[in-house]
C-alpha atoms as a PDB file:
ATOM      1  CA  PHE A   1       0.000   0.000   0.000  1.00  0.00           C
ATOM      2  CA  ALA A   2       2.811   2.407   0.864  1.00  0.00           C
ATOM      3  CA  GLU A   3       4.194   2.087  -2.659  1.00  0.00           C
ATOM      4  CA  HIS A   4       0.925   3.267  -4.202  1.00  0.00           C
ATOM      5  CA  GLN A   5      -0.283   5.533  -1.389  1.00  0.00           C
ATOM      6  CA  LEU A   6       0.179   8.773  -3.328  1.00  0.00           C
ATOM      7  CA  LEU A   7      -1.741   7.392  -6.306  1.00  0.00           C
ATOM      8  CA  PHE A   8      -4.544   6.151  -4.057  1.00  0.00           C
ATOM      9  CA  SER A   9      -4.750   9.476  -2.185  1.00  0.00           C
ATOM     10  CA  PHE A  10      -4.773  11.401  -5.460  1.00  0.00           C
ATOM     11  CA  LEU A  11      -7.569   9.266  -6.932  1.00  0.00           C
ATOM     12  CA  LEU A  12      -9.541   9.590  -3.695  1.00  0.00           C
ATOM     13  CA  THR A  13      -9.140  13.382  -3.664  1.00  0.00           C
ATOM     14  CA  THR A  14     -10.114  13.798  -7.302  1.00  0.00           C
ATOM     15  CA  ALA A  15     -13.107  11.460  -6.937  1.00  0.00           C
ATOM     16  CA  ILE A  16     -14.407  13.571  -4.047  1.00  0.00           C
ATOM     17  CA  GLU A  17     -13.921  16.812  -5.973  1.00  0.00           C
ATOM     18  CA  ARG A  18     -15.566  15.459  -9.126  1.00  0.00           C
ATOM     19  CA  GLU A  19     -18.535  14.283  -7.076  1.00  0.00           C
ATOM     20  CA  ALA A  20     -18.702  17.658  -5.314  1.00  0.00           C
ATOM     21  CA  TYR A  21     -18.860  19.413  -8.668  1.00  0.00           C
ATOM     22  CA  ASN A  22     -21.599  17.081  -9.903  1.00  0.00           C
ATOM     23  CA  GLU A  23     -23.696  17.642  -6.779  1.00  0.00           C
ATOM     24  CA  ARG A  24     -23.286  21.398  -6.921  1.00  0.00           C
ATOM     25  CA  HIS A  25     -23.953  21.419 -10.662  1.00  0.00           C
ATOM     26  CA  ILE A  26     -27.277  19.675 -10.035  1.00  0.00           C
ATOM     27  CA  THR A  27     -28.427  21.559  -6.931  1.00  0.00           C
ATOM     28  CA  ARG A  28     -27.126  25.030  -7.752  1.00  0.00           C
ATOM     29  CA  ASN A  29     -25.796  27.055 -10.628  1.00  0.00           C
ATOM     30  CA  PRO A  30     -22.631  25.461 -12.011  1.00  0.00           C
ATOM     31  CA  ILE A  31     -19.356  27.016 -10.895  1.00  0.00           C
ATOM     32  CA  PRO A  32     -17.502  28.896 -13.644  1.00  0.00           C
ATOM     33  CA  SER A  33     -14.445  26.877 -14.583  1.00  0.00           C
ATOM     34  CA  ASN A  34     -12.433  29.581 -16.342  1.00  0.00           C
ATOM     35  CA  ILE A  35     -11.955  32.109 -13.536  1.00  0.00           C
ATOM     36  CA  ILE A  36      -8.602  33.748 -13.027  1.00  0.00           C
ATOM     37  CA  HIS A  37      -9.595  37.006 -11.316  1.00  0.00           C
ATOM     38  CA  GLU A  38     -12.595  37.526  -9.082  1.00  0.00           C
ATOM     39  CA  ASP A  39     -15.010  40.440  -9.324  1.00  0.00           C
ATOM     40  CA  GLU A  40     -14.794  42.930  -6.491  1.00  0.00           C
ATOM     41  CA  GLN A  41     -18.241  41.956  -5.248  1.00  0.00           C
ATOM     42  CA  GLU A  42     -17.019  38.403  -4.647  1.00  0.00           C
ATOM     43  CA  GLU A  43     -14.251  39.500  -2.288  1.00  0.00           C
ATOM     44  CA  THR A  44     -16.657  39.203   0.625  1.00  0.00           C
ATOM     45  CA  VAL A  45     -17.327  35.515   0.042  1.00  0.00           C
ATOM     46  CA  ASP A  46     -16.603  33.454   3.148  1.00  0.00           C
ATOM     47  CA  GLU A  47     -13.609  31.170   3.456  1.00  0.00           C
ATOM     48  CA  ASN A  48     -15.549  27.931   2.989  1.00  0.00           C
ATOM     49  CA  GLU A  49     -17.192  29.196  -0.167  1.00  0.00           C
ATOM     50  CA  GLN A  50     -13.836  30.360  -1.476  1.00  0.00           C
ATOM     51  CA  LYS A  51     -12.268  26.969  -0.818  1.00  0.00           C
ATOM     52  CA  MET A  52     -15.198  25.251  -2.521  1.00  0.00           C
ATOM     53  CA  LYS A  53     -14.684  27.392  -5.618  1.00  0.00           C
ATOM     54  CA  LEU A  54     -11.091  26.209  -5.810  1.00  0.00           C
ATOM     55  CA  SER A  55     -11.882  22.556  -5.097  1.00  0.00           C
ATOM     56  CA  PHE A  56     -13.835  21.003  -7.930  1.00  0.00           C
ATOM     57  CA  ILE A  57     -13.124  19.100 -11.130  1.00  0.00           C
ATOM     58  CA  THR A  58     -15.251  19.081 -14.273  1.00  0.00           C
ATOM     59  CA  GLN A  59     -15.530  16.056 -16.524  1.00  0.00           C
ATOM     60  CA  ASP A  60     -13.707  17.872 -19.344  1.00  0.00           C
ATOM     61  CA  GLU A  61     -10.801  18.659 -17.016  1.00  0.00           C
ATOM     62  CA  TRP A  62     -10.562  15.059 -15.853  1.00  0.00           C
ATOM     63  CA  THR A  63     -10.721  13.727 -19.418  1.00  0.00           C
ATOM     64  CA  CYS A  64      -7.990  16.132 -20.468  1.00  0.00           C
ATOM     65  CA  PHE A  65      -5.784  15.237 -17.491  1.00  0.00           C
ATOM     66  CA  MET A  66      -6.082  11.499 -18.152  1.00  0.00           C
ATOM     67  CA  SER A  67      -5.516  11.754 -21.904  1.00  0.00           C
ATOM     68  CA  PRO A  68      -2.398   9.966 -23.258  1.00  0.00           C
ATOM     69  CA  LEU A  69      -1.789  13.034 -25.439  1.00  0.00           C
ATOM     70  CA  LEU A  70      -0.489  14.872 -22.378  1.00  0.00           C
ATOM     71  CA  ASN A  71       2.305  12.364 -21.867  1.00  0.00           C
ATOM     72  CA  ASN A  72       4.468  13.846 -24.603  1.00  0.00           C
ATOM     73  CA  VAL A  73       5.591  17.447 -25.053  1.00  0.00           C
ATOM     74  CA  THR A  74       4.458  18.267 -28.597  1.00  0.00           C
ATOM     75  CA  GLU A  75       2.591  21.036 -30.361  1.00  0.00           C
ATOM     76  CA  ASP A  76      -0.389  18.695 -30.600  1.00  0.00           C
ATOM     77  CA  LYS A  77      -0.725  18.880 -26.835  1.00  0.00           C
ATOM     78  CA  LEU A  78      -1.804  22.539 -26.818  1.00  0.00           C
ATOM     79  CA  VAL A  79      -4.082  21.934 -29.784  1.00  0.00           C
ATOM     80  CA  PHE A  80      -5.762  19.175 -27.796  1.00  0.00           C
ATOM     81  CA  VAL A  81      -6.052  21.436 -24.730  1.00  0.00           C
ATOM     82  CA  ASN A  82      -7.649  24.159 -26.846  1.00  0.00           C
ATOM     83  CA  GLU A  83     -10.188  21.661 -28.167  1.00  0.00           C
ATOM     84  CA  GLN A  84     -10.993  20.191 -24.751  1.00  0.00           C
ATOM     85  CA  ILE A  85     -10.815  23.260 -22.471  1.00  0.00           C
ATOM     86  CA  SER A  86     -10.554  26.406 -24.561  1.00  0.00           C
ATOM     87  CA  SER A  87     -10.353  28.690 -21.506  1.00  0.00           C
ATOM     88  CA  LEU A  88      -7.137  26.965 -20.418  1.00  0.00           C
ATOM     89  CA  TYR A  89      -5.378  27.545 -23.722  1.00  0.00           C
ATOM     90  CA  PRO A  90      -4.656  31.303 -23.296  1.00  0.00           C
ATOM     91  CA  ILE A  91      -3.347  30.690 -19.777  1.00  0.00           C
ATOM     92  CA  CYS A  92      -0.825  28.192 -21.119  1.00  0.00           C
ATOM     93  CA  LEU A  93       0.158  30.651 -23.836  1.00  0.00           C
ATOM     94  CA  ASN A  94       0.643  33.439 -21.280  1.00  0.00           C
ATOM     95  CA  LEU A  95       2.997  31.239 -19.295  1.00  0.00           C
ATOM     96  CA  LEU A  96       4.873  30.142 -22.408  1.00  0.00           C
ATOM     97  CA  ASN A  97       5.218  33.694 -23.729  1.00  0.00           C
ATOM     98  CA  ASP A  98       6.234  35.281 -20.442  1.00  0.00           C
ATOM     99  CA  ALA A  99       9.489  37.117 -21.130  1.00  0.00           C
ATOM    100  CA  ASP A 100      10.960  36.187 -17.747  1.00  0.00           C
ATOM    101  CA  GLN A 101       9.837  32.543 -17.980  1.00  0.00           C
ATOM    102  CA  GLN A 102       9.182  32.618 -14.224  1.00  0.00           C
ATOM    103  CA  PHE A 103       6.890  29.613 -14.266  1.00  0.00           C
ATOM    104  CA  PHE A 104       9.551  27.470 -15.925  1.00  0.00           C
ATOM    105  CA  LYS A 105      12.351  28.701 -13.677  1.00  0.00           C
ATOM    106  CA  HIS A 106      10.447  28.302 -10.428  1.00  0.00           C
ATOM    107  CA  SER A 107      11.455  25.266  -8.374  1.00  0.00           C
ATOM    108  CA  ASN A 108       7.860  24.782  -7.225  1.00  0.00           C
ATOM    109  CA  PRO A 109       5.391  25.533 -10.045  1.00  0.00           C
ATOM    110  CA  TYR A 110       2.389  24.514  -7.920  1.00  0.00           C
ATOM    111  CA  ILE A 111       3.222  27.201  -5.355  1.00  0.00           C
ATOM    112  CA  TYR A 112       3.935  29.648  -8.181  1.00  0.00           C
ATOM    113  CA  LEU A 113       0.446  29.196  -9.657  1.00  0.00           C
ATOM    114  CA  THR A 114      -1.466  29.138  -6.373  1.00  0.00           C
ATOM    115  CA  GLN A 115       0.230  32.290  -5.067  1.00  0.00           C
ATOM    116  CA  HIS A 116       0.601  34.360  -8.236  1.00  0.00           C
ATOM    117  CA  ASP A 117      -1.902  37.221  -8.508  1.00  0.00           C
ATOM    118  CA  ASN A 118      -2.823  36.254 -12.054  1.00  0.00           C
ATOM    119  CA  TYR A 119      -3.396  32.560 -11.376  1.00  0.00           C
ATOM    120  CA  CYS A 120      -4.306  32.116  -7.700  1.00  0.00           C
ATOM    121  CA  GLN A 121      -8.032  31.928  -8.515  1.00  0.00           C
ATOM    122  CA  LEU A 122      -7.561  28.902 -10.729  1.00  0.00           C
ATOM    123  CA  THR A 123      -8.955  25.746  -9.218  1.00  0.00           C
ATOM    124  CA  ARG A 124      -6.246  23.638  -7.646  1.00  0.00           C
ATOM    125  CA  PHE A 125      -6.836  20.828 -10.131  1.00  0.00           C
ATOM    126  CA  ARG A 126      -6.414  23.267 -13.013  1.00  0.00           C
ATOM    127  CA  CYS A 127      -3.038  24.167 -11.567  1.00  0.00           C
ATOM    128  CA  LEU A 128      -2.123  20.475 -11.721  1.00  0.00           C
ATOM    129  CA  LEU A 129      -3.410  20.268 -15.260  1.00  0.00           C
ATOM    130  CA  ILE A 130      -1.233  23.198 -16.334  1.00  0.00           C
ATOM    131  CA  ILE A 131       1.769  21.614 -14.638  1.00  0.00           C
ATOM    132  CA  LYS A 132       1.149  18.323 -16.425  1.00  0.00           C
ATOM    133  CA  ILE A 133       0.982  20.203 -19.724  1.00  0.00           C
ATOM    134  CA  LEU A 134       3.984  22.508 -19.286  1.00  0.00           C
ATOM    135  CA  ARG A 135       6.089  21.127 -16.406  1.00  0.00           C
ATOM    136  CA  PRO A 136       5.454  17.354 -16.316  1.00  0.00           C
ATOM    137  CA  ASP A 137       8.801  16.769 -14.598  1.00  0.00           C
ATOM    138  CA  THR A 138       7.363  18.362 -11.432  1.00  0.00           C
ATOM    139  CA  LEU A 139       3.969  16.644 -11.512  1.00  0.00           C
ATOM    140  CA  LEU A 140       4.537  14.122  -8.697  1.00  0.00           C
ATOM    141  CA  PRO A 141       5.653  16.641  -6.051  1.00  0.00           C
ATOM    142  CA  SER A 142       2.836  18.924  -7.201  1.00  0.00           C
ATOM    143  CA  ILE A 143       0.324  16.114  -6.695  1.00  0.00           C
ATOM    144  CA  SER A 144       1.692  15.599  -3.180  1.00  0.00           C
ATOM    145  CA  GLN A 145       1.120  19.275  -2.394  1.00  0.00           C
ATOM    146  CA  TYR A 146      -2.343  19.125  -3.934  1.00  0.00           C
ATOM    147  CA  VAL A 147      -3.382  16.124  -1.823  1.00  0.00           C
ATOM    148  CA  SER A 148      -1.917  17.665   1.329  1.00  0.00           C
ATOM    149  CA  GLU A 149      -3.706  20.963   0.705  1.00  0.00           C
ATOM    150  CA  GLN A 150      -7.069  19.432  -0.139  1.00  0.00           C
ATOM    151  CA  MET A 151      -7.172  16.444   2.230  1.00  0.00           C
ATOM    152  CA  GLY A 152      -4.445  16.965   4.817  1.00  0.00           C
ATOM    153  CA  SER A 153      -0.905  15.697   5.207  1.00  0.00           C
ATOM    154  CA  LYS A 154      -2.152  12.560   6.981  1.00  0.00           C
ATOM    155  CA  PHE A 155      -3.159  11.192   3.573  1.00  0.00           C
ATOM    156  CA  LEU A 156       0.508  11.163   2.615  1.00  0.00           C
ATOM    157  CA  SER A 157       1.723   9.628   5.852  1.00  0.00           C
ATOM    158  CA  SER A 158       2.370   5.914   6.183  1.00  0.00           C
ATOM    159  CA  GLY A 159       1.851   6.047   9.933  1.00  0.00           C
ATOM    160  CA  PHE A 160      -0.620   3.562  11.431  1.00  0.00           C
ATOM    161  CA  ALA A 161      -3.743   4.956  13.065  1.00  0.00           C
ATOM    162  CA  ASN A 162      -5.023   2.895  15.980  1.00  0.00           C
ATOM    163  CA  ILE A 163      -8.547   1.531  16.021  1.00  0.00           C
ATOM    164  CA  GLN A 164      -9.675   4.010  18.692  1.00  0.00           C
ATOM    165  CA  ASP A 165      -8.792   6.974  16.459  1.00  0.00           C
ATOM    166  CA  ILE A 166     -10.435   5.366  13.445  1.00  0.00           C
ATOM    167  CA  TYR A 167     -13.626   4.623  15.381  1.00  0.00           C
ATOM    168  CA  ALA A 168     -13.789   8.179  16.725  1.00  0.00           C
ATOM    169  CA  HIS A 169     -13.979   9.540  13.168  1.00  0.00           C
ATOM    170  CA  SER A 170     -16.579   7.060  11.921  1.00  0.00           C
ATOM    171  CA  SER A 171     -20.374   7.179  11.877  1.00  0.00           C
ATOM    172  CA  PRO A 172     -23.220   5.003  10.581  1.00  0.00           C
ATOM    173  CA  GLN A 173     -23.136   7.135   7.420  1.00  0.00           C
ATOM    174  CA  ALA A 174     -19.323   7.012   7.134  1.00  0.00           C
ATOM    175  CA  PRO A 175     -18.269   3.382   7.563  1.00  0.00           C
ATOM    176  CA  ILE A 176     -14.676   2.351   8.157  1.00  0.00           C
ATOM    177  CA  ILE A 177     -12.837   0.783   5.217  1.00  0.00           C
ATOM    178  CA  LEU A 178      -9.723  -1.232   6.063  1.00  0.00           C
ATOM    179  CA  LEU A 179      -7.148  -1.730   3.299  1.00  0.00           C
ATOM    180  CA  LEU A 180      -5.143  -4.770   4.324  1.00  0.00           C
ATOM    181  CA  SER A 181      -1.870  -6.288   3.280  1.00  0.00           C
ATOM    182  CA  PRO A 182      -1.985  -9.946   2.181  1.00  0.00           C
ATOM    183  CA  GLY A 183      -2.196 -12.294   5.144  1.00  0.00           C
ATOM    184  CA  THR A 184      -3.469  -9.745   7.675  1.00  0.00           C
ATOM    185  CA  ASP A 185      -6.749 -10.235   9.534  1.00  0.00           C
ATOM    186  CA  PRO A 186      -8.145  -7.510  11.830  1.00  0.00           C
ATOM    187  CA  THR A 187     -10.995  -9.659  13.178  1.00  0.00           C
ATOM    188  CA  SER A 188      -9.381 -10.387  16.539  1.00  0.00           C
ATOM    189  CA  LEU A 189      -8.413  -6.712  16.896  1.00  0.00           C
ATOM    190  CA  LEU A 190     -12.004  -5.611  16.309  1.00  0.00           C
ATOM    191  CA  ILE A 191     -13.408  -8.187  18.724  1.00  0.00           C
ATOM    192  CA  ARG A 192     -10.963  -7.077  21.408  1.00  0.00           C
ATOM    193  CA  PHE A 193     -11.819  -3.415  20.797  1.00  0.00           C
ATOM    194  CA  ALA A 194     -15.548  -4.217  20.989  1.00  0.00           C
ATOM    195  CA  ARG A 195     -15.033  -5.891  24.366  1.00  0.00           C
ATOM    196  CA  GLU A 196     -12.894  -3.027  25.655  1.00  0.00           C
ATOM    197  CA  THR A 197     -15.512  -0.496  24.559  1.00  0.00           C
ATOM    198  CA  ARG A 198     -18.732  -2.271  25.595  1.00  0.00           C
ATOM    199  CA  GLY A 199     -17.553  -5.084  27.845  1.00  0.00           C
ATOM    200  CA  THR A 200     -18.806  -7.632  25.315  1.00  0.00           C
ATOM    201  CA  ALA A 201     -18.638  -8.370  21.593  1.00  0.00           C
ATOM    202  CA  ALA A 202     -22.266  -9.487  21.358  1.00  0.00           C
ATOM    203  CA  HIS A 203     -23.143  -6.359  19.378  1.00  0.00           C
ATOM    204  CA  LEU A 204     -20.582  -7.195  16.652  1.00  0.00           C
ATOM    205  CA  ASP A 205     -21.719  -9.166  13.588  1.00  0.00           C
ATOM    206  CA  VAL A 206     -18.896 -10.612  11.472  1.00  0.00           C
ATOM    207  CA  ILE A 207     -19.661 -11.766   7.921  1.00  0.00           C
ATOM    208  CA  SER A 208     -17.047 -13.122   5.526  1.00  0.00           C
ATOM    209  CA  LEU A 209     -18.246 -12.073   2.101  1.00  0.00           C
ATOM    210  CA  GLY A 210     -18.369 -14.378  -0.861  1.00  0.00           C
ATOM    211  CA  GLN A 211     -20.889 -15.944  -3.180  1.00  0.00           C
ATOM    212  CA  GLY A 212     -24.452 -15.805  -1.882  1.00  0.00           C
ATOM    213  CA  GLN A 213     -23.711 -13.684   1.197  1.00  0.00           C
ATOM    214  CA  GLY A 214     -25.610 -10.620  -0.045  1.00  0.00           C
ATOM    215  CA  PRO A 215     -28.989 -11.578   1.504  1.00  0.00           C
ATOM    216  CA  LYS A 216     -27.312 -12.274   4.854  1.00  0.00           C
ATOM    217  CA  VAL A 217     -25.687  -8.828   4.807  1.00  0.00           C
ATOM    218  CA  GLU A 218     -29.038  -7.185   4.055  1.00  0.00           C
ATOM    219  CA  GLU A 219     -30.624  -9.110   6.930  1.00  0.00           C
ATOM    220  CA  VAL A 220     -27.931  -8.009   9.381  1.00  0.00           C
ATOM    221  CA  LEU A 221     -28.144  -4.395   8.189  1.00  0.00           C
ATOM    222  CA  SER A 222     -31.903  -4.442   8.638  1.00  0.00           C
ATOM    223  CA  LYS A 223     -31.437  -5.742  12.185  1.00  0.00           C
ATOM    224  CA  ALA A 224     -28.875  -3.031  12.905  1.00  0.00           C
ATOM    225  CA  LEU A 225     -31.370  -0.344  11.884  1.00  0.00           C
ATOM    226  CA  THR A 226     -33.826  -1.685  14.444  1.00  0.00           C
ATOM    227  CA  LEU A 227     -31.387  -2.508  17.241  1.00  0.00           C
ATOM    228  CA  LYS A 228     -29.343   0.654  17.611  1.00  0.00           C
ATOM    229  CA  GLY A 229     -25.675   0.414  18.492  1.00  0.00           C
ATOM    230  CA  ARG A 230     -24.782  -2.718  16.560  1.00  0.00           C
ATOM    231  CA  TRP A 231     -21.514  -3.074  14.645  1.00  0.00           C
ATOM    232  CA  ILE A 232     -21.142  -4.969  11.372  1.00  0.00           C
ATOM    233  CA  PHE A 233     -17.785  -6.169  10.076  1.00  0.00           C
ATOM    234  CA  LEU A 234     -17.803  -7.284   6.431  1.00  0.00           C
ATOM    235  CA  HIS A 235     -14.686  -9.326   5.791  1.00  0.00           C
ATOM    236  CA  ASN A 236     -13.134 -10.007   2.338  1.00  0.00           C
ATOM    237  CA  CYS A 237     -15.152  -7.387   0.445  1.00  0.00           C
ATOM    238  CA  HIS A 238     -12.934  -7.950  -2.595  1.00  0.00           C
ATOM    239  CA  LEU A 239     -14.569 -11.371  -3.013  1.00  0.00           C
ATOM    240  CA  SER A 240     -17.965  -9.750  -3.469  1.00  0.00           C
ATOM    241  CA  ALA A 241     -17.229  -6.717  -5.649  1.00  0.00           C
ATOM    242  CA  SER A 242     -20.549  -7.051  -7.490  1.00  0.00           C
ATOM    243  CA  PHE A 243     -22.410  -6.541  -4.206  1.00  0.00           C
ATOM    244  CA  MET A 244     -20.644  -3.260  -3.346  1.00  0.00           C
ATOM    245  CA  PRO A 245     -23.007  -0.976  -5.341  1.00  0.00           C
ATOM    246  CA  ARG A 246     -25.963  -2.561  -3.538  1.00  0.00           C
ATOM    247  CA  LEU A 247     -24.180  -2.131  -0.205  1.00  0.00           C
ATOM    248  CA  ARG A 248     -23.670   1.547  -0.947  1.00  0.00           C
ATOM    249  CA  VAL A 249     -27.390   1.969  -1.569  1.00  0.00           C
ATOM    250  CA  LEU A 250     -28.202   0.227   1.718  1.00  0.00           C
ATOM    251  CA  VAL A 251     -25.749   2.346   3.721  1.00  0.00           C
ATOM    252  CA  ASN A 252     -27.032   5.583   2.183  1.00  0.00           C
ATOM    253  CA  LYS A 253     -30.665   4.845   3.033  1.00  0.00           C
END
């Protein structure tokens, strides 16, 4: 897991921001994706609203970022960017045509974009997109800064969080997901924690997922909705991937 932690954290962050954009796009007016400067009347917007404006990803931006055409530095790259996200094209040209070439000389292009008066109102993902287009050699450290800024440095740390801390941040609507190394089994740890917390593990239901276990999970979940305070541990979720969409629906009810 440690080897791929940055990739996982990046995909998690971008998935959250894409979903946030979709929800806001449906429930409110869509956020303009080509802002560089803000109008004076928007200077009074509160900090949370400001952060939200800088923390979203449109489908066009994601498609452009993931395109193989961005893997090579060619003239076709900017043509593709102009076709996919026309508002990003003049920004790239401004950076390329800057007489001082500050963006290309800066040791930290992510900081350069997020702090420069002309570019600080770009969404953070757009900053990454520009870096992938013009400074791909600095993309990985820029992604690390992006994840740390959006999610917190703990998402880049390989430190182990104990079960008490994990439980304290969970809720019935935010279940705990354990990503395990091969050969590890947290069942005994959870049973011990249940006993330490409640004096017994009778409230803990353990189900090892596999073929045909879906109805049993639904039965246990239904019981948990009636008998408050129950815990459900679903083991080996990777063996029942087809049931996960249904599980999500049940949890979100």
